[in-house]
Amino acid sequence: MLDTLSKGLFHLLAASDGLKRLASTYGMRSPSSFARRFIAGESIHEAIEAARQVQARGMLVSLDLLGESVSSHTEAAKATREYWQVIEEIVDAGVERNISLKLTQLGLEIDRATATDNLRRILDLSARHDFFVRIDMENSPFTEVTLEIFETLWQLGYKNAGVVLQSALKRSEQDMQRILRLGARIRLVKGAYKESRSIAYASKGDVDAAYVRMMRVLLTDATYPAIATHDPAMIDATLAWAREKQVSADRFEFQMLFGIRRDLQQSLTDEGYRVRVYIPFGREWFPYFMRRLGERPANIGFVVRGILSEG
């Protein structure tokens, strides 16, 4: 009940235009503000500068233009054009050519065809500039259609893309085998969405156990998997399995979020492992951030612990 109330509260706050305006006005004003600890800024230029700083620390990057759940064809087309601009700006800046996006950002809640067509436009331009595009996984109503769209485009020759699977969903281990048969790249996450017990594991222990099972398959059988976690236990399990199966450090990468556990990011990098940092940016940062906190209240404590751990 507490989780449901908290989620509802944060979604309500996320939808407040007044709070959004205040956040945009004050949240990004100071370089030391709380929001800037986790969001690179509102513009692509700020994101590129953040990417340069991350790369200077020896890490990889993926730029994420924030936005999701658009409700009109006009908004979906606008988001697509914005991604074209992001791609061009990244090319001009010379930072790593890697982006991530959500299909509801491209119109999936309107209809499947709109999202598919807009994704194709982005993948076409991305391929011309040698970009990799990660299609993020959203909550469970979009799992199957996201995988179907990905499979369709993959089979049409769009091989410059990968998907995300959530260990919290009971179906994900079967979905993993489905994507492995394609030979596509998978990013493994635990999953932050609040889901029904009928389709998702209820306890952290079960989510972690599924994560480890999937991680082990990915490290030995997948094409360059991404192990996305800030959990030291999951990282230790990954390193132990890689050593046991003699999986070299260039056959996979860790992924973490901008501003979260920078100490851990650096220590893994210093040990010779590949670490990719997801860099979110854009005017939609406030609703994104509030929804992420609301999806699982434990995220609030996690953010606080991330700050305290670095002093």
Protein backbone atom coordinates (compact mmCIF):
# COMPACT_ATOMS: atom_id res chain seq x y z
CA MET A 1 0.00 0.00 0.00
CA LEU A 2 2.83 2.42 0.85
CA ASP A 3 4.49 1.71 -2.50
CA THR A 4 1.23 2.42 -4.35
CA LEU A 5 0.63 5.68 -2.49
CA SER A 6 4.19 6.83 -3.04
CA LYS A 7 4.07 5.99 -6.73
CA GLY A 8 0.81 7.88 -7.12
CA LEU A 9 2.23 10.91 -5.35
CA PHE A 10 5.33 11.08 -7.51
CA HIS A 11 3.33 10.64 -10.69
CA LEU A 12 1.06 13.46 -9.58
CA LEU A 13 4.07 15.68 -8.92
CA ALA A 14 5.59 14.71 -12.26
CA ALA A 15 2.46 15.89 -14.06
CA SER A 16 2.44 19.32 -12.39
CA ASP A 17 3.24 22.01 -14.94
CA GLY A 18 3.89 24.50 -12.16
CA LEU A 19 6.48 22.31 -10.45
CA LYS A 20 8.02 21.52 -13.81
CA ARG A 21 8.46 25.23 -14.56
CA LEU A 22 9.96 25.85 -11.13
CA ALA A 23 12.30 22.90 -11.51
CA SER A 24 13.40 24.03 -14.95
CA THR A 25 14.01 27.54 -13.65
CA TYR A 26 15.85 26.67 -10.46
CA GLY A 27 16.83 23.01 -10.64
CA MET A 28 19.46 23.51 -13.34
CA ARG A 29 20.54 27.02 -12.43
CA SER A 30 23.50 26.08 -10.25
CA PRO A 31 26.25 23.70 -11.42
CA SER A 32 26.16 22.17 -7.93
CA SER A 33 22.37 21.69 -7.77
CA PHE A 34 20.93 18.31 -6.84
CA ALA A 35 19.33 17.81 -10.26
CA ARG A 36 22.62 18.36 -12.06
CA ARG A 37 24.15 15.56 -10.05
CA PHE A 38 21.98 13.10 -11.99
CA ILE A 39 20.86 15.01 -15.11
CA ALA A 40 23.49 16.46 -17.44
CA GLY A 41 21.36 19.48 -18.36
CA GLU A 42 18.55 20.51 -20.66
CA SER A 43 20.54 20.90 -23.88
CA ILE A 44 22.53 18.56 -26.09
CA HIS A 45 25.53 20.85 -25.64
CA GLU A 46 25.47 20.28 -21.87
CA ALA A 47 25.14 16.54 -22.43
CA ILE A 48 28.10 16.55 -24.81
CA GLU A 49 30.23 18.38 -22.26
CA ALA A 50 29.25 15.81 -19.62
CA ALA A 51 30.10 13.04 -22.08
CA ARG A 52 33.55 14.53 -22.66
CA GLN A 53 34.20 14.59 -18.93
CA VAL A 54 33.10 10.95 -18.56
CA GLN A 55 35.24 9.88 -21.50
CA ALA A 56 38.20 11.73 -20.02
CA ARG A 57 37.89 9.39 -17.02
CA GLY A 58 38.32 6.42 -19.35
CA MET A 59 34.65 5.44 -19.63
CA LEU A 60 32.14 4.91 -22.41
CA VAL A 61 28.93 6.93 -22.79
CA SER A 62 25.37 6.72 -24.07
CA LEU A 63 23.30 9.88 -24.42
CA ASP A 64 19.62 9.69 -23.50
CA LEU A 65 17.29 12.49 -24.61
CA LEU A 66 14.62 12.35 -21.93
CA GLY A 67 11.01 11.91 -22.93
CA GLU A 68 8.31 9.25 -22.95
CA SER A 69 4.57 8.64 -23.22
CA VAL A 70 3.86 11.23 -25.91
CA SER A 71 0.18 11.45 -26.78
CA SER A 72 0.09 12.92 -30.29
CA HIS A 73 1.64 12.33 -33.70
CA THR A 74 2.99 15.88 -33.55
CA GLU A 75 4.87 15.20 -30.31
CA ALA A 76 6.23 11.90 -31.65
CA ALA A 77 7.46 13.56 -34.85
CA LYS A 78 9.05 16.34 -32.79
CA ALA A 79 10.91 13.80 -30.64
CA THR A 80 12.15 12.08 -33.78
CA ARG A 81 13.45 15.35 -35.21
CA GLU A 82 15.13 16.11 -31.90
CA TYR A 83 16.94 12.78 -32.05
CA TRP A 84 18.12 13.60 -35.57
CA GLN A 85 19.56 16.83 -34.19
CA VAL A 86 21.17 14.96 -31.29
CA ILE A 87 22.83 12.58 -33.73
CA GLU A 88 24.18 15.43 -35.85
CA GLU A 89 25.45 17.31 -32.79
CA ILE A 90 27.23 14.22 -31.48
CA VAL A 91 28.90 13.69 -34.85
CA ASP A 92 30.07 17.31 -34.94
CA ALA A 93 31.34 17.11 -31.35
CA GLY A 94 33.31 13.92 -31.87
CA VAL A 95 32.08 12.13 -28.74
CA GLU A 96 31.10 8.47 -28.74
CA ARG A 97 28.23 7.61 -31.08
CA ASN A 98 25.84 5.81 -28.78
CA ILE A 99 22.28 6.82 -27.86
CA SER A 100 19.29 5.35 -26.07
CA LEU A 101 15.56 5.98 -26.49
CA LYS A 102 12.10 4.83 -25.50
CA LEU A 103 9.42 3.74 -27.95
CA THR A 104 6.65 5.60 -26.11
CA GLN A 105 8.79 8.69 -26.79
CA LEU A 106 8.30 7.94 -30.50
CA GLY A 107 4.55 7.33 -30.32
CA LEU A 108 4.03 3.73 -29.18
CA GLU A 109 1.08 4.72 -27.00
CA ILE A 110 -0.55 6.24 -30.10
CA ASP A 111 -0.06 3.19 -32.32
CA ARG A 112 2.59 0.66 -33.22
CA ALA A 113 3.08 1.92 -36.79
CA THR A 114 3.93 5.45 -35.65
CA ALA A 115 6.62 4.25 -33.25
CA THR A 116 8.04 1.81 -35.79
CA ASP A 117 8.25 4.41 -38.56
CA ASN A 118 9.89 6.97 -36.28
CA LEU A 119 12.37 4.41 -34.98
CA ARG A 120 13.28 3.47 -38.56
CA ARG A 121 14.00 7.12 -39.34
CA ILE A 122 16.35 7.34 -36.37
CA LEU A 123 18.03 4.02 -37.16
CA ASP A 124 18.54 5.04 -40.79
CA LEU A 125 20.36 8.22 -39.82
CA SER A 126 22.20 6.40 -37.02
CA ALA A 127 23.47 3.75 -39.41
CA ARG A 128 24.81 6.38 -41.80
CA HIS A 129 26.86 7.82 -38.95
CA ASP A 130 27.84 4.50 -37.35
CA PHE A 131 25.78 4.92 -34.16
CA PHE A 132 24.56 2.21 -31.81
CA VAL A 133 20.99 2.71 -30.58
CA ARG A 134 19.73 1.10 -27.38
CA ILE A 135 15.96 0.65 -27.23
CA ASP A 136 15.06 0.95 -23.57
CA MET A 137 12.47 -1.34 -22.01
CA GLU A 138 9.52 0.30 -20.33
CA ASN A 139 6.86 -1.21 -18.08
CA SER A 140 5.21 -4.55 -18.83
CA PRO A 141 2.35 -3.38 -21.12
CA PHE A 142 5.05 -2.49 -23.65
CA THR A 143 7.35 -5.50 -23.29
CA GLU A 144 5.98 -7.72 -26.04
CA VAL A 145 5.38 -4.98 -28.59
CA THR A 146 8.85 -3.54 -27.98
CA LEU A 147 10.43 -6.93 -28.66
CA GLU A 148 8.23 -7.47 -31.71
CA ILE A 149 9.21 -4.11 -33.22
CA PHE A 150 12.85 -4.80 -32.49
CA GLU A 151 12.70 -8.25 -34.10
CA THR A 152 10.94 -6.89 -37.17
CA LEU A 153 13.50 -4.16 -37.77
CA TRP A 154 16.41 -6.48 -36.99
CA GLN A 155 15.21 -8.89 -39.64
CA LEU A 156 14.92 -5.97 -42.07
CA GLY A 157 18.63 -5.36 -41.61
CA TYR A 158 18.73 -2.80 -38.81
CA LYS A 159 21.60 -4.34 -36.88
CA ASN A 160 22.80 -1.12 -35.21
CA ALA A 161 20.40 -1.55 -32.28
CA GLY A 162 19.98 -3.52 -29.08
CA VAL A 163 17.32 -4.03 -26.42
CA VAL A 164 16.95 -4.14 -22.65
CA LEU A 165 15.60 -6.99 -20.50
CA GLN A 166 14.50 -6.75 -16.86
CA SER A 167 15.28 -9.62 -14.51
CA ALA A 168 12.28 -8.63 -12.36
CA LEU A 169 9.89 -9.90 -15.04
CA LYS A 170 9.31 -13.64 -14.98
CA ARG A 171 9.17 -13.80 -18.77
CA SER A 172 12.61 -12.28 -19.29
CA GLU A 173 14.63 -15.49 -19.28
CA GLN A 174 12.58 -16.76 -22.22
CA ASP A 175 12.84 -13.36 -23.90
CA MET A 176 16.60 -13.56 -23.49
CA GLN A 177 16.73 -16.80 -25.47
CA ARG A 178 14.54 -15.19 -28.12
CA ILE A 179 16.97 -12.29 -28.56
CA LEU A 180 20.04 -14.51 -28.33
CA ARG A 181 18.77 -16.46 -31.34
CA LEU A 182 18.86 -13.22 -33.31
CA GLY A 183 22.41 -12.48 -32.22
CA ALA A 184 21.43 -9.03 -30.97
CA ARG A 185 22.95 -7.16 -28.05
CA ILE A 186 21.15 -7.22 -24.68
CA ARG A 187 21.36 -4.83 -21.75
CA LEU A 188 20.43 -6.56 -18.49
CA VAL A 189 18.78 -4.52 -15.72
CA LYS A 190 16.83 -5.45 -12.62
CA GLY A 191 13.88 -3.23 -13.52
CA ALA A 192 12.55 -0.25 -11.59
CA TYR A 193 8.87 -0.54 -12.47
CA LYS A 194 6.17 -1.54 -10.01
CA GLU A 195 4.61 -4.66 -11.52
CA SER A 196 2.00 -7.23 -10.55
CA ARG A 197 3.12 -10.28 -8.60
CA SER A 198 1.57 -12.41 -11.32
CA ILE A 199 4.20 -11.33 -13.85
CA ALA A 200 7.11 -10.10 -11.72
CA TYR A 201 9.17 -11.41 -8.83
CA ALA A 202 8.02 -9.89 -5.55
CA SER A 203 11.19 -10.19 -3.49
CA LYS A 204 14.60 -8.64 -4.02
CA GLY A 205 16.16 -12.05 -3.52
CA ASP A 206 14.19 -13.53 -6.42
CA VAL A 207 14.97 -10.56 -8.68
CA ASP A 208 18.67 -10.86 -7.83
CA ALA A 209 18.66 -14.62 -8.42
CA ALA A 210 17.08 -14.14 -11.85
CA TYR A 211 19.61 -11.39 -12.61
CA VAL A 212 22.52 -13.72 -11.82
CA ARG A 213 21.04 -16.54 -13.91
CA MET A 214 20.59 -14.25 -16.88
CA MET A 215 23.98 -12.62 -16.43
CA ARG A 216 25.71 -15.99 -16.55
CA VAL A 217 24.01 -16.94 -19.81
CA LEU A 218 24.76 -13.56 -21.34
CA LEU A 219 28.44 -13.62 -20.44
CA THR A 220 28.98 -17.03 -22.01
CA ASP A 221 26.49 -17.01 -24.92
CA ALA A 222 25.63 -13.43 -25.91
CA THR A 223 27.11 -10.87 -28.26
CA TYR A 224 28.77 -8.18 -26.12
CA PRO A 225 26.20 -7.98 -23.29
CA ALA A 226 25.75 -4.95 -21.05
CA ILE A 227 25.52 -5.71 -17.33
CA ALA A 228 23.69 -2.68 -15.97
CA THR A 229 23.75 -2.42 -12.19
CA HIS A 230 25.01 -0.37 -9.27
CA ASP A 231 24.64 -3.31 -6.90
CA PRO A 232 28.07 -4.44 -5.65
CA ALA A 233 26.74 -7.98 -5.10
CA MET A 234 25.69 -8.25 -8.75
CA ILE A 235 29.01 -6.79 -9.89
CA ASP A 236 30.96 -9.25 -7.74
CA ALA A 237 28.88 -12.13 -9.11
CA THR A 238 29.60 -10.97 -12.65
CA LEU A 239 33.34 -10.69 -12.07
CA ALA A 240 33.46 -14.10 -10.39
CA TRP A 241 31.60 -15.76 -13.29
CA ALA A 242 33.78 -14.03 -15.86
CA ARG A 243 36.89 -15.33 -14.11
CA GLU A 244 35.47 -18.84 -13.78
CA LYS A 245 34.48 -19.03 -17.44
CA GLN A 246 37.54 -17.08 -18.64
CA VAL A 247 35.42 -14.36 -20.22
CA SER A 248 37.79 -11.53 -21.10
CA ALA A 249 37.00 -7.95 -20.12
CA ASP A 250 36.52 -6.88 -23.75
CA ARG A 251 33.57 -9.25 -24.27
CA PHE A 252 31.11 -7.36 -22.05
CA GLU A 253 30.62 -4.03 -20.32
CA PHE A 254 29.13 -2.67 -17.13
CA GLN A 255 26.62 0.16 -17.36
CA MET A 256 25.68 2.73 -14.74
CA LEU A 257 23.78 5.99 -14.54
CA PHE A 258 25.29 9.44 -14.63
CA GLY A 259 25.98 10.66 -11.10
CA ILE A 260 25.36 7.32 -9.38
CA ARG A 261 28.26 5.53 -7.67
CA ARG A 262 30.99 7.36 -9.50
CA ASP A 263 33.46 5.75 -7.14
CA LEU A 264 32.37 2.31 -8.31
CA GLN A 265 32.44 3.39 -11.95
CA GLN A 266 36.02 4.57 -11.57
CA SER A 267 37.25 1.56 -9.65
CA LEU A 268 35.97 -0.85 -12.30
CA THR A 269 37.51 1.29 -15.03
CA ASP A 270 40.84 1.38 -13.20
CA GLU A 271 40.72 -2.43 -12.97
CA GLY A 272 40.47 -2.64 -16.74
CA TYR A 273 36.75 -3.25 -17.18
CA ARG A 274 34.59 -1.36 -19.63
CA VAL A 275 32.05 0.94 -17.98
CA ARG A 276 29.40 2.83 -19.93
CA VAL A 277 27.68 5.79 -18.28
CA TYR A 278 24.14 6.67 -19.34
CA ILE A 279 23.86 10.45 -19.61
CA PRO A 280 20.25 11.72 -19.46
CA PHE A 281 19.43 15.24 -20.58
CA GLY A 282 16.61 17.36 -21.96
CA ARG A 283 13.75 19.60 -20.93
CA GLU A 284 11.73 16.61 -19.74
CA TRP A 285 14.18 15.84 -16.94
CA PHE A 286 11.83 16.75 -14.09
CA PRO A 287 8.92 14.41 -14.93
CA TYR A 288 11.44 11.69 -15.79
CA PHE A 289 13.23 12.04 -12.48
CA MET A 290 10.04 12.19 -10.43
CA ARG A 291 8.56 9.17 -12.17
CA ARG A 292 11.73 7.20 -11.59
CA LEU A 293 11.57 7.94 -7.88
CA GLY A 294 7.90 6.97 -7.82
CA GLU A 295 8.36 3.71 -9.68
CA ARG A 296 10.01 2.24 -6.62
CA PRO A 297 10.30 4.25 -3.38
CA ALA A 298 13.52 2.42 -2.52
CA ASN A 299 15.10 4.48 -5.30
CA ILE A 300 14.92 7.52 -3.04
CA GLY A 301 17.06 5.82 -0.41
CA PHE A 302 19.35 4.55 -3.13
CA VAL A 303 19.99 8.06 -4.43
CA VAL A 304 20.66 9.31 -0.90
CA ARG A 305 23.05 6.42 -0.24
CA GLY A 306 24.80 7.16 -3.53
CA ILE A 307 25.46 10.71 -2.41
CA LEU A 308 26.56 9.74 1.11
CA SER A 309 28.90 7.01 -0.15
CA GLU A 310 30.96 9.63 -1.97
CA GLY A 311 30.96 12.16 0.80
